[in-house]
C-alpha atoms as a PDB file:
ATOM      1  CA  MET A   1      81.134  52.395 -62.722  1.00  0.00           C
ATOM      2  CA  ARG A   2      84.404  52.588 -64.318  1.00  0.00           C
ATOM      3  CA  ILE A   3      85.913  55.468 -66.276  1.00  0.00           C
ATOM      4  CA  ASP A   4      89.137  54.798 -68.219  1.00  0.00           C
ATOM      5  CA  ALA A   5      91.767  57.426 -68.504  1.00  0.00           C
ATOM      6  CA  LYS A   6      91.775  59.600 -71.631  1.00  0.00           C
ATOM      7  CA  THR A   7      88.268  58.732 -72.552  1.00  0.00           C
ATOM      8  CA  THR A   8      85.184  60.991 -72.779  1.00  0.00           C
ATOM      9  CA  ILE A   9      82.173  60.097 -70.770  1.00  0.00           C
ATOM     10  CA  GLY A  10      78.789  61.642 -71.055  1.00  0.00           C
ATOM     11  CA  LEU A  11      76.019  61.697 -68.371  1.00  0.00           C
ATOM     12  CA  ALA A  12      72.511  61.759 -69.512  1.00  0.00           C
ATOM     13  CA  GLY A  13      69.174  61.659 -67.852  1.00  0.00           C
ATOM     14  CA  ALA A  14      66.124  63.774 -66.965  1.00  0.00           C
ATOM     15  CA  THR A  15      66.271  66.562 -64.389  1.00  0.00           C
ATOM     16  CA  GLY A  16      66.637  65.040 -60.962  1.00  0.00           C
ATOM     17  CA  SER A  17      68.068  61.779 -62.280  1.00  0.00           C
ATOM     18  CA  GLY A  18      71.365  62.306 -60.325  1.00  0.00           C
ATOM     19  CA  LYS A  19      73.882  63.732 -62.866  1.00  0.00           C
ATOM     20  CA  THR A  20      75.052  66.678 -60.904  1.00  0.00           C
ATOM     21  CA  THR A  21      75.154  64.531 -57.620  1.00  0.00           C
ATOM     22  CA  LEU A  22      77.338  61.999 -59.396  1.00  0.00           C
ATOM     23  CA  VAL A  23      79.620  64.713 -60.529  1.00  0.00           C
ATOM     24  CA  ASP A  24      79.831  66.272 -57.077  1.00  0.00           C
ATOM     25  CA  ILE A  25      80.869  62.823 -55.685  1.00  0.00           C
ATOM     26  CA  LEU A  26      83.501  62.480 -58.275  1.00  0.00           C
ATOM     27  CA  LEU A  27      84.768  65.988 -57.377  1.00  0.00           C
ATOM     28  CA  GLY A  28      84.963  65.057 -53.769  1.00  0.00           C
ATOM     29  CA  LEU A  29      82.285  67.579 -52.814  1.00  0.00           C
ATOM     30  CA  LEU A  30      79.790  65.094 -51.514  1.00  0.00           C
ATOM     31  CA  PRO A  31      80.833  62.237 -49.167  1.00  0.00           C
ATOM     32  CA  LEU A  32      80.045  58.566 -50.084  1.00  0.00           C
ATOM     33  CA  THR A  33      77.452  56.979 -48.000  1.00  0.00           C
ATOM     34  CA  SER A  34      78.539  53.606 -49.371  1.00  0.00           C
ATOM     35  CA  GLY A  35      81.108  52.028 -51.858  1.00  0.00           C
ATOM     36  CA  LYS A  36      84.420  53.471 -52.665  1.00  0.00           C
ATOM     37  CA  LEU A  37      85.963  56.016 -55.074  1.00  0.00           C
ATOM     38  CA  MET A  38      89.143  54.559 -56.438  1.00  0.00           C
ATOM     39  CA  VAL A  39      91.785  56.277 -58.681  1.00  0.00           C
ATOM     40  CA  ASP A  40      94.415  54.071 -60.211  1.00  0.00           C
ATOM     41  CA  GLY A  41      93.757  51.430 -57.618  1.00  0.00           C
ATOM     42  CA  LYS A  42      93.991  53.806 -54.713  1.00  0.00           C
ATOM     43  CA  GLU A  43      90.943  54.831 -52.563  1.00  0.00           C
ATOM     44  CA  LEU A  44      90.328  58.376 -52.236  1.00  0.00           C
ATOM     45  CA  GLY A  45      89.886  59.797 -48.736  1.00  0.00           C
ATOM     46  CA  PRO A  46      90.670  62.823 -46.579  1.00  0.00           C
ATOM     47  CA  ASP A  47      94.447  62.295 -47.010  1.00  0.00           C
ATOM     48  CA  ASN A  48      94.592  62.412 -50.719  1.00  0.00           C
ATOM     49  CA  MET A  49      91.299  64.208 -51.882  1.00  0.00           C
ATOM     50  CA  PHE A  50      93.097  67.481 -52.275  1.00  0.00           C
ATOM     51  CA  GLN A  51      95.716  66.030 -54.662  1.00  0.00           C
ATOM     52  CA  TRP A  52      92.810  64.446 -56.649  1.00  0.00           C
ATOM     53  CA  GLN A  53      91.022  67.796 -56.939  1.00  0.00           C
ATOM     54  CA  LYS A  54      94.044  69.571 -58.122  1.00  0.00           C
ATOM     55  CA  MET A  55      94.018  67.289 -61.117  1.00  0.00           C
ATOM     56  CA  ILE A  56      90.463  68.449 -62.244  1.00  0.00           C
ATOM     57  CA  GLY A  57      89.403  71.345 -64.362  1.00  0.00           C
ATOM     58  CA  TYR A  58      85.759  72.018 -63.536  1.00  0.00           C
ATOM     59  CA  VAL A  59      83.245  74.193 -65.621  1.00  0.00           C
ATOM     60  CA  PRO A  60      79.893  74.699 -63.830  1.00  0.00           C
ATOM     61  CA  GLN A  61      76.727  75.832 -65.418  1.00  0.00           C
ATOM     62  CA  LYS A  62      77.091  79.272 -64.047  1.00  0.00           C
ATOM     63  CA  ILE A  63      80.521  80.939 -64.106  1.00  0.00           C
ATOM     64  CA  TYR A  64      81.749  83.348 -61.477  1.00  0.00           C
ATOM     65  CA  LEU A  65      83.827  86.239 -62.929  1.00  0.00           C
ATOM     66  CA  SER A  66      85.458  88.905 -60.816  1.00  0.00           C
ATOM     67  CA  ASP A  67      85.525  92.682 -61.677  1.00  0.00           C
ATOM     68  CA  ASP A  68      89.019  92.272 -63.011  1.00  0.00           C
ATOM     69  CA  THR A  69      90.797  91.723 -66.380  1.00  0.00           C
ATOM     70  CA  LEU A  70      89.960  88.764 -68.656  1.00  0.00           C
ATOM     71  CA  ALA A  71      93.461  87.503 -68.235  1.00  0.00           C
ATOM     72  CA  MET A  72      93.146  87.486 -64.412  1.00  0.00           C
ATOM     73  CA  ASN A  73      89.722  85.673 -64.709  1.00  0.00           C
ATOM     74  CA  ILE A  74      91.188  83.037 -67.008  1.00  0.00           C
ATOM     75  CA  ALA A  75      94.271  82.489 -64.848  1.00  0.00           C
ATOM     76  CA  PHE A  76      92.130  82.697 -61.709  1.00  0.00           C
ATOM     77  CA  GLY A  77      93.959  83.022 -58.418  1.00  0.00           C
ATOM     78  CA  LEU A  78      97.360  83.956 -59.928  1.00  0.00           C
ATOM     79  CA  PRO A  79      99.153  87.341 -59.532  1.00  0.00           C
ATOM     80  CA  ALA A  80      99.423  89.156 -62.885  1.00  0.00           C
ATOM     81  CA  GLU A  81     103.150  88.625 -63.003  1.00  0.00           C
ATOM     82  CA  ALA A  82     102.719  84.877 -62.898  1.00  0.00           C
ATOM     83  CA  ILE A  83     100.422  84.537 -65.832  1.00  0.00           C
ATOM     84  CA  ASP A  84     101.909  82.528 -68.739  1.00  0.00           C
ATOM     85  CA  ARG A  85     100.767  84.378 -71.832  1.00  0.00           C
ATOM     86  CA  GLU A  86     101.273  81.406 -74.170  1.00  0.00           C
ATOM     87  CA  ARG A  87      99.225  79.188 -71.868  1.00  0.00           C
ATOM     88  CA  LEU A  88      96.528  81.936 -71.575  1.00  0.00           C
ATOM     89  CA  VAL A  89      96.174  82.182 -75.307  1.00  0.00           C
ATOM     90  CA  HIS A  90      96.122  78.384 -75.916  1.00  0.00           C
ATOM     91  CA  ALA A  91      93.296  77.890 -73.325  1.00  0.00           C
ATOM     92  CA  ALA A  92      91.317  80.766 -74.891  1.00  0.00           C
ATOM     93  CA  LYS A  93      91.691  79.302 -78.377  1.00  0.00           C
ATOM     94  CA  ILE A  94      90.364  75.911 -77.280  1.00  0.00           C
ATOM     95  CA  ALA A  95      87.389  77.707 -75.545  1.00  0.00           C
ATOM     96  CA  GLN A  96      86.771  79.593 -78.798  1.00  0.00           C
ATOM     97  CA  ILE A  97      87.020  83.026 -77.022  1.00  0.00           C
ATOM     98  CA  HIS A  98      90.476  84.175 -78.195  1.00  0.00           C
ATOM     99  CA  ARG A  99      89.265  85.788 -81.475  1.00  0.00           C
ATOM    100  CA  PHE A 100      86.654  87.757 -79.659  1.00  0.00           C
ATOM    101  CA  ILE A 101      89.191  89.010 -77.140  1.00  0.00           C
ATOM    102  CA  LYS A 102      91.719  89.836 -79.737  1.00  0.00           C
ATOM    103  CA  ASP A 103      89.574  91.315 -82.468  1.00  0.00           C
ATOM    104  CA  GLU A 104      86.629  92.891 -80.671  1.00  0.00           C
ATOM    105  CA  LEU A 105      87.953  94.215 -77.395  1.00  0.00           C
ATOM    106  CA  ALA A 106      90.249  97.233 -77.637  1.00  0.00           C
ATOM    107  CA  ALA A 107      92.263  96.344 -74.533  1.00  0.00           C
ATOM    108  CA  GLY A 108      92.286  92.538 -75.478  1.00  0.00           C
ATOM    109  CA  TYR A 109      93.089  90.362 -72.416  1.00  0.00           C
ATOM    110  CA  ALA A 110      93.368  93.489 -70.303  1.00  0.00           C
ATOM    111  CA  SER A 111      89.729  94.324 -70.863  1.00  0.00           C
ATOM    112  CA  ILE A 112      87.665  94.400 -67.647  1.00  0.00           C
ATOM    113  CA  ALA A 113      85.012  91.725 -67.289  1.00  0.00           C
ATOM    114  CA  GLY A 114      82.858  93.796 -64.887  1.00  0.00           C
ATOM    115  CA  GLU A 115      81.219  92.521 -61.677  1.00  0.00           C
ATOM    116  CA  ARG A 116      80.088  88.991 -62.222  1.00  0.00           C
ATOM    117  CA  GLY A 117      80.869  89.387 -65.925  1.00  0.00           C
ATOM    118  CA  VAL A 118      78.308  92.073 -66.547  1.00  0.00           C
ATOM    119  CA  LYS A 119      80.192  93.367 -69.646  1.00  0.00           C
ATOM    120  CA  LEU A 120      80.042  89.975 -71.323  1.00  0.00           C
ATOM    121  CA  SER A 121      77.230  87.845 -72.681  1.00  0.00           C
ATOM    122  CA  GLY A 122      76.268  84.563 -71.025  1.00  0.00           C
ATOM    123  CA  GLY A 123      78.042  82.608 -73.792  1.00  0.00           C
ATOM    124  CA  GLN A 124      81.218  84.629 -73.528  1.00  0.00           C
ATOM    125  CA  CYS A 125      81.182  84.171 -69.665  1.00  0.00           C
ATOM    126  CA  GLN A 126      80.890  80.372 -70.202  1.00  0.00           C
ATOM    127  CA  ARG A 127      83.811  80.298 -72.671  1.00  0.00           C
ATOM    128  CA  ILE A 128      85.927  82.287 -70.132  1.00  0.00           C
ATOM    129  CA  GLY A 129      85.009  79.738 -67.623  1.00  0.00           C
ATOM    130  CA  LEU A 130      86.109  76.919 -69.938  1.00  0.00           C
ATOM    131  CA  ALA A 131      89.399  78.715 -70.723  1.00  0.00           C
ATOM    132  CA  ARG A 132      89.901  78.955 -66.938  1.00  0.00           C
ATOM    133  CA  ALA A 133      89.474  75.227 -66.444  1.00  0.00           C
ATOM    134  CA  LEU A 134      91.961  74.542 -69.301  1.00  0.00           C
ATOM    135  CA  TYR A 135      94.583  77.135 -68.268  1.00  0.00           C
ATOM    136  CA  ASN A 136      96.469  74.738 -65.992  1.00  0.00           C
ATOM    137  CA  ASP A 137      96.162  71.817 -68.492  1.00  0.00           C
ATOM    138  CA  PRO A 138      94.496  69.476 -66.163  1.00  0.00           C
ATOM    139  CA  PRO A 139      94.376  65.734 -67.012  1.00  0.00           C
ATOM    140  CA  ILE A 140      90.679  65.633 -66.090  1.00  0.00           C
ATOM    141  CA  LEU A 141      88.032  67.958 -67.277  1.00  0.00           C
ATOM    142  CA  VAL A 142      84.485  68.038 -65.825  1.00  0.00           C
ATOM    143  CA  LEU A 143      81.785  69.963 -67.683  1.00  0.00           C
ATOM    144  CA  ASP A 144      78.499  70.335 -65.766  1.00  0.00           C
ATOM    145  CA  GLU A 145      76.096  71.747 -68.560  1.00  0.00           C
ATOM    146  CA  ALA A 146      79.019  73.976 -69.422  1.00  0.00           C
ATOM    147  CA  THR A 147      77.817  74.646 -72.975  1.00  0.00           C
ATOM    148  CA  SER A 148      74.080  75.249 -72.169  1.00  0.00           C
ATOM    149  CA  ALA A 149      74.324  78.997 -72.465  1.00  0.00           C
ATOM    150  CA  LEU A 150      76.020  78.816 -75.890  1.00  0.00           C
ATOM    151  CA  ASP A 151      74.308  78.981 -79.225  1.00  0.00           C
ATOM    152  CA  GLY A 152      74.281  75.955 -81.406  1.00  0.00           C
ATOM    153  CA  GLN A 153      77.125  77.126 -83.699  1.00  0.00           C
ATOM    154  CA  THR A 154      79.387  78.209 -80.870  1.00  0.00           C
ATOM    155  CA  GLU A 155      78.670  75.024 -78.913  1.00  0.00           C
ATOM    156  CA  SER A 156      79.565  72.922 -82.000  1.00  0.00           C
ATOM    157  CA  GLN A 157      82.957  74.855 -82.370  1.00  0.00           C
ATOM    158  CA  VAL A 158      83.725  74.350 -78.706  1.00  0.00           C
ATOM    159  CA  MET A 159      83.021  70.671 -78.799  1.00  0.00           C
ATOM    160  CA  GLU A 160      85.113  70.359 -81.985  1.00  0.00           C
ATOM    161  CA  ALA A 161      87.986  72.063 -80.117  1.00  0.00           C
ATOM    162  CA  LEU A 162      87.617  69.761 -77.212  1.00  0.00           C
ATOM    163  CA  GLN A 163      87.830  66.823 -79.558  1.00  0.00           C
ATOM    164  CA  VAL A 164      91.375  67.926 -80.214  1.00  0.00           C
ATOM    165  CA  VAL A 165      92.437  67.647 -76.710  1.00  0.00           C
ATOM    166  CA  SER A 166      90.008  64.650 -75.858  1.00  0.00           C
ATOM    167  CA  ARG A 167      92.703  62.012 -76.280  1.00  0.00           C
ATOM    168  CA  GLN A 168      95.065  63.639 -73.949  1.00  0.00           C
ATOM    169  CA  LYS A 169      92.478  64.165 -71.066  1.00  0.00           C
ATOM    170  CA  THR A 170      89.730  62.369 -69.293  1.00  0.00           C
ATOM    171  CA  ILE A 171      86.572  64.216 -69.998  1.00  0.00           C
ATOM    172  CA  ILE A 172      83.302  63.856 -68.042  1.00  0.00           C
ATOM    173  CA  MET A 173      80.365  65.868 -69.296  1.00  0.00           C
ATOM    174  CA  ILE A 174      76.678  66.597 -68.453  1.00  0.00           C
ATOM    175  CA  ALA A 175      74.904  68.157 -71.488  1.00  0.00           C
ATOM    176  CA  HIS A 176      71.661  70.028 -71.795  1.00  0.00           C
ATOM    177  CA  ARG A 177      71.366  68.950 -75.366  1.00  0.00           C
ATOM    178  CA  LEU A 178      71.943  65.164 -75.939  1.00  0.00           C
ATOM    179  CA  SER A 179      73.429  65.868 -79.350  1.00  0.00           C
ATOM    180  CA  THR A 180      76.415  67.402 -77.449  1.00  0.00           C
ATOM    181  CA  LEU A 181      77.282  63.854 -76.281  1.00  0.00           C
ATOM    182  CA  ARG A 182      77.386  62.357 -79.783  1.00  0.00           C
ATOM    183  CA  ASN A 183      81.256  61.913 -79.777  1.00  0.00           C
ATOM    184  CA  CYS A 184      81.543  60.535 -76.236  1.00  0.00           C
ATOM    185  CA  ASP A 185      83.294  57.173 -75.969  1.00  0.00           C
ATOM    186  CA  THR A 186      80.525  56.072 -73.471  1.00  0.00           C
ATOM    187  CA  ILE A 187      77.256  57.668 -72.237  1.00  0.00           C
ATOM    188  CA  LEU A 188      75.851  56.708 -68.882  1.00  0.00           C
ATOM    189  CA  LEU A 189      72.077  56.946 -68.720  1.00  0.00           C
ATOM    190  CA  LEU A 190      70.878  57.828 -65.224  1.00  0.00           C
ATOM    191  CA  GLU A 191      67.423  57.536 -63.585  1.00  0.00           C
ATOM    192  CA  ASN A 192      66.474  58.061 -59.956  1.00  0.00           C
ATOM    193  CA  GLY A 193      70.189  57.993 -58.834  1.00  0.00           C
ATOM    194  CA  ARG A 194      71.013  54.780 -60.679  1.00  0.00           C
ATOM    195  CA  ILE A 195      72.839  53.978 -63.937  1.00  0.00           C
ATOM    196  CA  ILE A 196      70.171  52.218 -66.005  1.00  0.00           C
ATOM    197  CA  ASP A 197      71.995  51.858 -69.340  1.00  0.00           C
ATOM    198  CA  GLN A 198      75.328  52.780 -70.997  1.00  0.00           C
ATOM    199  CA  GLY A 199      76.876  52.614 -74.348  1.00  0.00           C
ATOM    200  CA  THR A 200      77.748  54.762 -77.345  1.00  0.00           C
ATOM    201  CA  PHE A 201      75.329  57.513 -78.714  1.00  0.00           C
ATOM    202  CA  ALA A 202      74.480  55.208 -81.567  1.00  0.00           C
ATOM    203  CA  SER A 203      73.919  52.089 -79.525  1.00  0.00           C
ATOM    204  CA  LEU A 204      71.708  53.801 -77.023  1.00  0.00           C
ATOM    205  CA  ASP A 205      69.703  55.558 -79.885  1.00  0.00           C
ATOM    206  CA  ALA A 206      69.025  52.201 -81.347  1.00  0.00           C
ATOM    207  CA  ASN A 207      68.276  50.214 -78.275  1.00  0.00           C
ATOM    208  CA  SER A 208      67.044  52.468 -75.460  1.00  0.00           C
ATOM    209  CA  ARG A 209      63.581  53.828 -75.516  1.00  0.00           C
ATOM    210  CA  ARG A 210      64.380  56.053 -72.412  1.00  0.00           C
ATOM    211  CA  PHE A 211      67.365  57.669 -74.253  1.00  0.00           C
ATOM    212  CA  ARG A 212      65.271  58.328 -77.337  1.00  0.00           C
ATOM    213  CA  GLU A 213      62.586  59.918 -75.076  1.00  0.00           C
ATOM    214  CA  LEU A 214      65.342  62.271 -73.827  1.00  0.00           C
ATOM    215  CA  GLU A 215      66.335  63.042 -77.314  1.00  0.00           C
ATOM    216  CA  GLY A 216      62.770  64.078 -78.077  1.00  0.00           C
ATOM    217  CA  GLN A 217      63.114  66.722 -75.322  1.00  0.00           C
ATOM    218  CA  ASP A 218      66.422  68.008 -76.767  1.00  0.00           C
END
């Protein structure tokens, strides 16, 4: 398996096919039982894994939000005085959450999310999580069904916004709806922990019966 820098890779497959396991390996959360994980010709191991992980912005399926301001939740882990306002707004705009914060919340970015984001909808929590991943402008972005809680229109807006940054970042995404992967440079089709096919959305749609079966479940 090879992922070129500044390309967008989609991972497709039925539940249990190994998509999240593969992402966990790439994130360094699961150790390899065989083979090697190489980045720019260097093998990743205990000595350099943390440096690799610092380069990744990760958006899981379920976002943890603390009972703090939206600004603190986006710039997670930073003290309030260290937050870069321009970077905060830029990340929120890409995540399609800035207008909601600015126009619909009286306190704006100082609004309180509530324990585990109780004051926000599921889609709004996901967009806060995406903005969090984008805040530090990481060169690699990993989305693990990160748009599954969004309605179709908002998901389309988020994917369009990600297209703007896609040529400056390496993006790896698992998507609940295969249509979300339409603009990926390459889609890897997994089954039983193995890559059984790969190609563009159009080529897989034309040539892979298994891919078309997954589309039917979309």
